[in-house]
């Protein structure tokens, strides 16, 4: 941990803070903090910024209710910028969108961005629109029993590939399993965030549980 005195605030006493969703890692907003707002943020565990337009402190969510609960604050190598991981209560943007960064400027035609969140959104879209010819549509049309059968089959394929110590095949089968599990999650109304929270709650007690089992 570095001391707040090691941070480099600019000539106006400000430091830029890039706020990201702790679960999705989506950039939510870019704001500024001064020494006082940073201290308040650390004391309250809630993001507090300095408004350059109003020239005053601004506790995010104080009027809207969209508080941002801080998970961590990290400085860059030059100590003149911060990234703040948060668990948001609501939209970050004053326009009501999840993120302030919603307006594409340029996108590569060769390199495609991928994320589990993006895949989940695509699967959700398939479930809502049911386009013809889509395998995902087929699974949702067949229902829970078919989805569960596929999860079971893919689990077996993972075991067979892993037992054969075939790394490439194991990766391939795990990807298949992950896809079908995500389809199951949508069918059951389970979100990635709920799984993330469950895993986060488990890793804290994992060491203790292992000790108890050994005794």
Protein backbone atom coordinates (compact mmCIF):
# COMPACT_ATOMS: atom_id res chain seq x y z
CA UNK A 1 0.00 0.00 0.00
CA UNK A 2 1.32 3.45 -0.86
CA UNK A 3 0.66 6.55 1.22
CA UNK A 4 -1.67 9.28 -0.05
CA UNK A 5 1.27 11.68 0.24
CA UNK A 6 3.00 9.77 -2.55
CA UNK A 7 0.26 10.67 -5.03
CA UNK A 8 0.87 13.50 -7.48
CA UNK A 9 -2.05 15.90 -7.65
CA UNK A 10 -1.95 18.44 -10.51
CA UNK A 11 -1.54 22.20 -10.20
CA UNK A 12 -5.23 22.46 -9.27
CA UNK A 13 -4.89 19.81 -6.59
CA UNK A 14 -6.72 17.16 -8.62
CA UNK A 15 -6.02 13.60 -9.72
CA UNK A 16 -8.04 11.73 -12.40
CA UNK A 17 -9.94 8.64 -11.21
CA UNK A 18 -11.08 6.00 -13.68
CA UNK A 19 -14.04 4.17 -12.14
CA UNK A 20 -14.65 0.54 -13.17
CA UNK A 21 -17.26 -2.04 -12.26
CA UNK A 22 -15.49 -4.55 -10.00
CA UNK A 23 -17.35 -7.48 -11.55
CA UNK A 24 -17.48 -6.69 -15.27
CA UNK A 25 -14.42 -4.38 -15.34
CA UNK A 26 -16.47 -2.03 -17.54
CA UNK A 27 -15.25 1.56 -17.36
CA UNK A 28 -18.11 3.50 -15.77
CA UNK A 29 -16.82 7.05 -15.67
CA UNK A 30 -13.80 9.34 -15.48
CA UNK A 31 -13.92 11.84 -12.63
CA UNK A 32 -11.49 13.83 -10.50
CA UNK A 33 -10.57 13.71 -6.84
CA UNK A 34 -8.69 16.12 -4.63
CA UNK A 35 -6.98 15.12 -1.41
CA UNK A 36 -10.12 15.72 0.67
CA UNK A 37 -12.49 13.79 -1.60
CA UNK A 38 -10.02 10.89 -1.76
CA UNK A 39 -9.82 10.77 2.01
CA UNK A 40 -13.63 10.84 2.25
CA UNK A 41 -13.81 8.04 -0.33
CA UNK A 42 -11.49 5.87 1.73
CA UNK A 43 -13.23 6.65 5.01
CA UNK A 44 -16.77 6.03 3.74
CA UNK A 45 -15.97 3.32 1.21
CA UNK A 46 -18.01 5.34 -1.29
CA UNK A 47 -16.75 7.34 -4.25
CA UNK A 48 -16.48 11.05 -3.57
CA UNK A 49 -15.24 13.34 -6.31
CA UNK A 50 -14.45 17.00 -6.81
CA UNK A 51 -16.74 18.68 -9.34
CA UNK A 52 -14.69 20.96 -11.58
CA UNK A 53 -17.80 22.71 -12.88
CA UNK A 54 -19.34 23.40 -9.46
CA UNK A 55 -16.01 23.64 -7.62
CA UNK A 56 -17.26 21.51 -4.74
CA UNK A 57 -17.11 17.99 -3.33
CA UNK A 58 -19.53 15.50 -4.83
CA UNK A 59 -20.49 12.23 -3.11
CA UNK A 60 -21.69 10.00 -5.96
CA UNK A 61 -25.26 8.84 -5.28
CA UNK A 62 -26.04 11.41 -2.59
CA UNK A 63 -28.99 12.74 -4.60
CA UNK A 64 -29.65 9.90 -7.08
CA UNK A 65 -29.13 6.95 -4.72
CA UNK A 66 -26.67 5.44 -7.21
CA UNK A 67 -23.82 5.03 -4.74
CA UNK A 68 -20.58 3.36 -5.76
CA UNK A 69 -19.18 1.05 -3.09
CA UNK A 70 -15.41 0.97 -3.36
CA UNK A 71 -13.62 -2.37 -3.63
CA UNK A 72 -10.14 -0.94 -4.22
CA UNK A 73 -8.23 2.16 -5.28
CA UNK A 74 -5.00 1.73 -7.25
CA UNK A 75 -2.48 4.31 -8.44
CA UNK A 76 -0.56 4.10 -11.71
CA UNK A 77 3.24 3.88 -11.97
CA UNK A 78 3.63 7.67 -12.04
CA UNK A 79 1.30 8.09 -9.05
CA UNK A 80 -0.72 10.71 -10.97
CA UNK A 81 -3.85 8.72 -11.86
CA UNK A 82 -6.17 6.29 -10.08
CA UNK A 83 -8.37 3.36 -10.97
CA UNK A 84 -11.28 2.77 -8.62
CA UNK A 85 -13.06 -0.60 -8.64
CA UNK A 86 -16.63 -0.32 -7.38
CA UNK A 87 -19.86 -2.20 -6.90
CA UNK A 88 -22.46 0.29 -8.20
CA UNK A 89 -25.99 0.63 -6.87
CA UNK A 90 -27.19 1.97 -10.21
CA UNK A 91 -26.20 3.83 -13.39
CA UNK A 92 -22.96 5.79 -13.32
CA UNK A 93 -23.96 8.36 -15.92
CA UNK A 94 -26.24 11.30 -15.24
CA UNK A 95 -28.06 10.35 -18.46
CA UNK A 96 -29.18 7.12 -16.82
CA UNK A 97 -26.85 4.73 -18.65
CA UNK A 98 -24.70 2.14 -16.87
CA UNK A 99 -21.52 3.80 -18.13
CA UNK A 100 -20.64 7.28 -19.35
CA UNK A 101 -18.73 5.58 -22.18
CA UNK A 102 -21.53 4.55 -24.54
CA UNK A 103 -20.53 6.21 -27.81
CA UNK A 104 -18.25 4.22 -30.18
CA UNK A 105 -15.71 6.27 -32.12
CA UNK A 106 -13.78 3.51 -33.94
CA UNK A 107 -13.69 -0.27 -33.98
CA UNK A 108 -11.24 -2.70 -35.58
CA UNK A 109 -12.65 -4.90 -38.31
CA UNK A 110 -10.04 -7.58 -37.59
CA UNK A 111 -9.85 -7.69 -33.81
CA UNK A 112 -13.04 -8.59 -31.98
CA UNK A 113 -13.56 -7.75 -28.32
CA UNK A 114 -14.77 -10.67 -26.22
CA UNK A 115 -16.07 -10.94 -22.68
CA UNK A 116 -18.28 -13.34 -20.77
CA UNK A 117 -20.65 -10.43 -20.16
CA UNK A 118 -20.84 -9.80 -23.90
CA UNK A 119 -21.51 -13.47 -24.58
CA UNK A 120 -24.21 -13.54 -21.93
CA UNK A 121 -25.87 -10.52 -23.54
CA UNK A 122 -25.79 -12.27 -26.91
CA UNK A 123 -27.36 -15.41 -25.44
CA UNK A 124 -29.99 -13.28 -23.72
CA UNK A 125 -30.77 -11.66 -27.07
CA UNK A 126 -31.13 -15.09 -28.66
CA UNK A 127 -33.56 -16.12 -25.91
CA UNK A 128 -35.67 -13.01 -26.44
CA UNK A 129 -35.68 -12.99 -30.25
CA UNK A 130 -35.42 -16.74 -31.00
CA UNK A 131 -33.84 -16.32 -34.49
CA UNK A 132 -34.29 -19.30 -36.81
CA UNK A 133 -31.28 -21.50 -37.47
CA UNK A 134 -29.57 -20.62 -34.18
CA UNK A 135 -28.34 -23.51 -32.00
CA UNK A 136 -29.00 -21.37 -28.93
CA UNK A 137 -32.58 -20.85 -30.09
CA UNK A 138 -32.89 -24.63 -30.48
CA UNK A 139 -31.79 -25.19 -26.88
CA UNK A 140 -34.22 -22.66 -25.47
CA UNK A 141 -37.05 -24.08 -27.58
CA UNK A 142 -36.36 -27.59 -26.30
CA UNK A 143 -36.32 -26.36 -22.72
CA UNK A 144 -34.69 -27.24 -19.43
CA UNK A 145 -34.40 -31.01 -19.86
CA UNK A 146 -32.49 -30.65 -23.15
CA UNK A 147 -30.20 -27.99 -21.70
CA UNK A 148 -29.47 -30.14 -18.65
CA UNK A 149 -28.73 -33.12 -20.90
CA UNK A 150 -26.21 -31.06 -22.87
CA UNK A 151 -24.55 -29.83 -19.67
CA UNK A 152 -24.19 -33.45 -18.57
CA UNK A 153 -22.78 -34.54 -21.94
CA UNK A 154 -20.27 -31.69 -22.04
CA UNK A 155 -19.18 -32.40 -18.46
CA UNK A 156 -18.42 -35.97 -19.49
CA UNK A 157 -16.45 -34.75 -22.52
CA UNK A 158 -14.34 -32.53 -20.25
CA UNK A 159 -13.57 -35.50 -17.99
CA UNK A 160 -12.59 -37.73 -20.94
CA UNK A 161 -10.30 -35.07 -22.45
CA UNK A 162 -8.70 -34.26 -19.11
CA UNK A 163 -8.16 -37.94 -18.32
CA UNK A 164 -6.40 -38.32 -21.67
CA UNK A 165 -4.19 -35.36 -20.69
CA UNK A 166 -5.07 -33.67 -23.98
CA UNK A 167 -4.76 -29.98 -23.14
CA UNK A 168 -6.12 -28.60 -26.42
CA UNK A 169 -9.14 -30.91 -26.35
CA UNK A 170 -9.75 -30.16 -22.67
CA UNK A 171 -9.77 -26.42 -23.40
CA UNK A 172 -12.19 -27.00 -26.28
CA UNK A 173 -14.54 -29.09 -24.15
CA UNK A 174 -14.41 -26.68 -21.19
CA UNK A 175 -15.43 -23.89 -23.57
CA UNK A 176 -18.36 -26.02 -24.75
CA UNK A 177 -19.34 -26.71 -21.16
CA UNK A 178 -19.08 -23.03 -20.22
CA UNK A 179 -21.38 -22.08 -23.09
CA UNK A 180 -24.03 -24.63 -22.12
CA UNK A 181 -23.80 -23.65 -18.44
CA UNK A 182 -24.42 -20.03 -19.44
CA UNK A 183 -27.48 -21.12 -21.42
CA UNK A 184 -28.66 -22.96 -18.30
CA UNK A 185 -28.05 -19.84 -16.21
CA UNK A 186 -30.29 -17.79 -18.48
CA UNK A 187 -32.95 -20.49 -18.43
CA UNK A 188 -32.82 -20.47 -14.62
CA UNK A 189 -32.65 -16.68 -14.31
CA UNK A 190 -29.12 -16.67 -12.86
CA UNK A 191 -26.72 -13.81 -13.65
CA UNK A 192 -22.94 -13.75 -13.92
CA UNK A 193 -22.90 -11.25 -11.07
CA UNK A 194 -24.66 -13.73 -8.77
CA UNK A 195 -22.04 -16.39 -9.56
CA UNK A 196 -19.26 -13.87 -9.02
CA UNK A 197 -20.64 -12.91 -5.61
CA UNK A 198 -21.00 -16.55 -4.59
CA UNK A 199 -17.40 -17.32 -5.55
CA UNK A 200 -16.18 -14.17 -3.82
CA UNK A 201 -17.91 -15.21 -0.60
CA UNK A 202 -16.38 -18.69 -0.77
CA UNK A 203 -12.71 -17.86 -1.27
CA UNK A 204 -12.61 -16.02 2.05
CA UNK A 205 -13.53 -19.15 4.04
CA UNK A 206 -11.93 -21.75 1.77
CA UNK A 207 -8.75 -22.14 3.85
CA UNK A 208 -10.73 -22.52 7.08
CA UNK A 209 -13.05 -25.10 5.56
CA UNK A 210 -10.12 -27.20 4.37
CA UNK A 211 -8.61 -27.12 7.84
CA UNK A 212 -11.85 -28.23 9.45
CA UNK A 213 -12.20 -31.12 7.02
CA UNK A 214 -8.67 -32.25 7.70
CA UNK A 215 -9.43 -32.35 11.45
